[in-house]
């Protein structure tokens, strides 16, 4: 992300974040991507959610949330479920629109 400094003040570009699409990480059920429907402390309900079993092409969840993945065909994202309530959530990362489009484009991984 490019920065510019004017009169000693550093400015960074504004990132347009999808209002409700997030990546979450929980202690027990791993990583999920979906639409944030509700949050109550460490309990999060997502709609149109996918469990992320494996990803390739992002160094961390932070990078995946901001840019998506560079190797979507190598990722293992589940089929979407209409709703899921995840307990023990320790991280909620809002995703910019471009990253959402990228993550939504990852093929469904099925057995």
C-alpha atoms as a PDB file:
ATOM      1  CA  UNK A   1       0.000   0.000   0.000  1.00  0.00           C
ATOM      2  CA  UNK A   2       1.571   3.297  -1.090  1.00  0.00           C
ATOM      3  CA  UNK A   3       1.990   6.082   1.428  1.00  0.00           C
ATOM      4  CA  UNK A   4       2.646   9.778   0.943  1.00  0.00           C
ATOM      5  CA  UNK A   5       4.070  12.247   3.429  1.00  0.00           C
ATOM      6  CA  UNK A   6       3.019  15.899   3.301  1.00  0.00           C
ATOM      7  CA  UNK A   7       4.405  18.397   5.792  1.00  0.00           C
ATOM      8  CA  UNK A   8       5.551  15.580   8.070  1.00  0.00           C
ATOM      9  CA  UNK A   9       2.160  13.804   8.075  1.00  0.00           C
ATOM     10  CA  UNK A  10       1.998  10.338   6.492  1.00  0.00           C
ATOM     11  CA  UNK A  11      -1.184   9.435   4.611  1.00  0.00           C
ATOM     12  CA  UNK A  12      -2.251   5.974   3.442  1.00  0.00           C
ATOM     13  CA  UNK A  13      -4.961   5.096   0.901  1.00  0.00           C
ATOM     14  CA  UNK A  14      -8.410   4.365   2.265  1.00  0.00           C
ATOM     15  CA  UNK A  15      -9.367   0.707   1.926  1.00  0.00           C
ATOM     16  CA  UNK A  16     -12.987   0.117   1.028  1.00  0.00           C
ATOM     17  CA  UNK A  17     -14.151  -2.662   3.324  1.00  0.00           C
ATOM     18  CA  UNK A  18     -17.189  -4.771   2.629  1.00  0.00           C
ATOM     19  CA  UNK A  19     -19.538  -3.843   5.440  1.00  0.00           C
ATOM     20  CA  UNK A  20     -20.242  -7.363   6.565  1.00  0.00           C
ATOM     21  CA  UNK A  21     -17.860  -9.902   4.976  1.00  0.00           C
ATOM     22  CA  UNK A  22     -15.282 -11.186   7.425  1.00  0.00           C
ATOM     23  CA  UNK A  23     -12.704 -13.865   8.070  1.00  0.00           C
ATOM     24  CA  UNK A  24     -12.916 -15.282  11.567  1.00  0.00           C
ATOM     25  CA  UNK A  25     -10.590 -17.540  13.523  1.00  0.00           C
ATOM     26  CA  UNK A  26     -11.786 -19.603  16.433  1.00  0.00           C
ATOM     27  CA  UNK A  27      -9.957 -21.733  18.953  1.00  0.00           C
ATOM     28  CA  UNK A  28     -11.828 -24.954  18.171  1.00  0.00           C
ATOM     29  CA  UNK A  29     -13.351 -24.805  14.693  1.00  0.00           C
ATOM     30  CA  UNK A  30     -10.684 -23.032  12.684  1.00  0.00           C
ATOM     31  CA  UNK A  31     -11.123 -20.341  10.047  1.00  0.00           C
ATOM     32  CA  UNK A  32     -14.389 -19.294   8.387  1.00  0.00           C
ATOM     33  CA  UNK A  33     -15.343 -16.709   5.744  1.00  0.00           C
ATOM     34  CA  UNK A  34     -18.822 -15.273   5.450  1.00  0.00           C
ATOM     35  CA  UNK A  35     -21.286 -12.507   6.169  1.00  0.00           C
ATOM     36  CA  UNK A  36     -21.272 -11.306   9.762  1.00  0.00           C
ATOM     37  CA  UNK A  37     -24.846 -11.645  11.011  1.00  0.00           C
ATOM     38  CA  UNK A  38     -24.291 -11.290  14.745  1.00  0.00           C
ATOM     39  CA  UNK A  39     -21.524 -11.068  17.310  1.00  0.00           C
ATOM     40  CA  UNK A  40     -21.878 -11.564  21.042  1.00  0.00           C
ATOM     41  CA  UNK A  41     -18.474 -11.573  22.690  1.00  0.00           C
ATOM     42  CA  UNK A  42     -16.604 -14.655  21.414  1.00  0.00           C
ATOM     43  CA  UNK A  43     -19.727 -16.053  19.724  1.00  0.00           C
ATOM     44  CA  UNK A  44     -20.170 -15.133  16.056  1.00  0.00           C
ATOM     45  CA  UNK A  45     -22.951 -16.051  13.642  1.00  0.00           C
ATOM     46  CA  UNK A  46     -22.124 -15.999   9.946  1.00  0.00           C
ATOM     47  CA  UNK A  47     -24.415 -16.494   6.987  1.00  0.00           C
ATOM     48  CA  UNK A  48     -23.381 -17.841   3.589  1.00  0.00           C
ATOM     49  CA  UNK A  49     -20.269 -19.141   5.341  1.00  0.00           C
ATOM     50  CA  UNK A  50     -17.409 -21.336   4.177  1.00  0.00           C
ATOM     51  CA  UNK A  51     -14.939 -23.182   6.382  1.00  0.00           C
ATOM     52  CA  UNK A  52     -11.344 -22.690   5.234  1.00  0.00           C
ATOM     53  CA  UNK A  53      -9.445 -25.942   5.688  1.00  0.00           C
ATOM     54  CA  UNK A  54      -6.329 -24.958   3.742  1.00  0.00           C
ATOM     55  CA  UNK A  55      -5.138 -21.973   1.766  1.00  0.00           C
ATOM     56  CA  UNK A  56      -2.226 -21.250  -0.512  1.00  0.00           C
ATOM     57  CA  UNK A  57      -1.130 -17.897  -1.826  1.00  0.00           C
ATOM     58  CA  UNK A  58      -1.397 -15.770   1.326  1.00  0.00           C
ATOM     59  CA  UNK A  59       1.152 -15.703   4.128  1.00  0.00           C
ATOM     60  CA  UNK A  60      -1.372 -15.146   6.916  1.00  0.00           C
ATOM     61  CA  UNK A  61      -5.049 -14.620   7.659  1.00  0.00           C
ATOM     62  CA  UNK A  62      -4.377 -10.894   7.658  1.00  0.00           C
ATOM     63  CA  UNK A  63      -3.036 -11.025   4.106  1.00  0.00           C
ATOM     64  CA  UNK A  64      -5.862 -13.327   2.972  1.00  0.00           C
ATOM     65  CA  UNK A  65      -8.441 -10.942   4.451  1.00  0.00           C
ATOM     66  CA  UNK A  66      -6.898  -7.931   2.706  1.00  0.00           C
ATOM     67  CA  UNK A  67      -5.978  -9.384  -0.712  1.00  0.00           C
ATOM     68  CA  UNK A  68      -7.457 -12.869  -1.029  1.00  0.00           C
ATOM     69  CA  UNK A  69      -5.330 -15.771  -2.258  1.00  0.00           C
ATOM     70  CA  UNK A  70      -3.070 -15.956  -5.306  1.00  0.00           C
ATOM     71  CA  UNK A  71      -3.579 -19.696  -5.825  1.00  0.00           C
ATOM     72  CA  UNK A  72      -7.331 -20.315  -5.467  1.00  0.00           C
ATOM     73  CA  UNK A  73      -7.239 -23.729  -7.178  1.00  0.00           C
ATOM     74  CA  UNK A  74      -4.856 -24.986  -4.480  1.00  0.00           C
ATOM     75  CA  UNK A  75      -7.138 -23.936  -1.606  1.00  0.00           C
ATOM     76  CA  UNK A  76      -9.632 -26.099   0.286  1.00  0.00           C
ATOM     77  CA  UNK A  77     -12.736 -24.046   1.107  1.00  0.00           C
ATOM     78  CA  UNK A  78     -15.909 -25.952   1.996  1.00  0.00           C
ATOM     79  CA  UNK A  79     -19.297 -25.596   0.361  1.00  0.00           C
ATOM     80  CA  UNK A  80     -21.234 -22.617   1.750  1.00  0.00           C
ATOM     81  CA  UNK A  81     -23.660 -23.218   4.591  1.00  0.00           C
ATOM     82  CA  UNK A  82     -26.674 -20.931   5.068  1.00  0.00           C
ATOM     83  CA  UNK A  83     -25.748 -20.149   8.687  1.00  0.00           C
ATOM     84  CA  UNK A  84     -23.192 -21.145  11.297  1.00  0.00           C
ATOM     85  CA  UNK A  85     -22.638 -20.031  14.880  1.00  0.00           C
ATOM     86  CA  UNK A  86     -18.993 -20.276  15.894  1.00  0.00           C
ATOM     87  CA  UNK A  87     -17.927 -20.259  19.539  1.00  0.00           C
ATOM     88  CA  UNK A  88     -14.547 -19.239  20.875  1.00  0.00           C
ATOM     89  CA  UNK A  89     -13.836 -16.662  18.178  1.00  0.00           C
ATOM     90  CA  UNK A  90     -10.550 -14.915  18.856  1.00  0.00           C
ATOM     91  CA  UNK A  91     -10.190 -12.920  15.623  1.00  0.00           C
ATOM     92  CA  UNK A  92     -12.619 -11.095  13.307  1.00  0.00           C
ATOM     93  CA  UNK A  93     -11.084  -9.447  10.219  1.00  0.00           C
ATOM     94  CA  UNK A  94     -13.228  -7.329   7.861  1.00  0.00           C
ATOM     95  CA  UNK A  95     -12.467  -7.923   4.178  1.00  0.00           C
ATOM     96  CA  UNK A  96     -12.253  -5.346   1.374  1.00  0.00           C
ATOM     97  CA  UNK A  97     -14.548  -5.935  -1.622  1.00  0.00           C
ATOM     98  CA  UNK A  98     -11.720  -7.108  -3.912  1.00  0.00           C
ATOM     99  CA  UNK A  99     -10.617  -9.708  -1.377  1.00  0.00           C
ATOM    100  CA  UNK A 100     -14.235 -10.872  -0.932  1.00  0.00           C
ATOM    101  CA  UNK A 101     -14.618 -11.384  -4.664  1.00  0.00           C
ATOM    102  CA  UNK A 102     -11.375 -13.352  -4.714  1.00  0.00           C
ATOM    103  CA  UNK A 103     -12.353 -15.573  -1.759  1.00  0.00           C
ATOM    104  CA  UNK A 104     -15.861 -16.146  -3.112  1.00  0.00           C
ATOM    105  CA  UNK A 105     -14.252 -17.314  -6.365  1.00  0.00           C
ATOM    106  CA  UNK A 106     -12.301 -20.142  -4.709  1.00  0.00           C
ATOM    107  CA  UNK A 107     -13.795 -23.428  -5.990  1.00  0.00           C
ATOM    108  CA  UNK A 108     -15.769 -25.548  -3.524  1.00  0.00           C
ATOM    109  CA  UNK A 109     -13.717 -28.381  -2.048  1.00  0.00           C
ATOM    110  CA  UNK A 110     -15.726 -31.583  -1.748  1.00  0.00           C
ATOM    111  CA  UNK A 111     -14.925 -35.260  -1.319  1.00  0.00           C
END
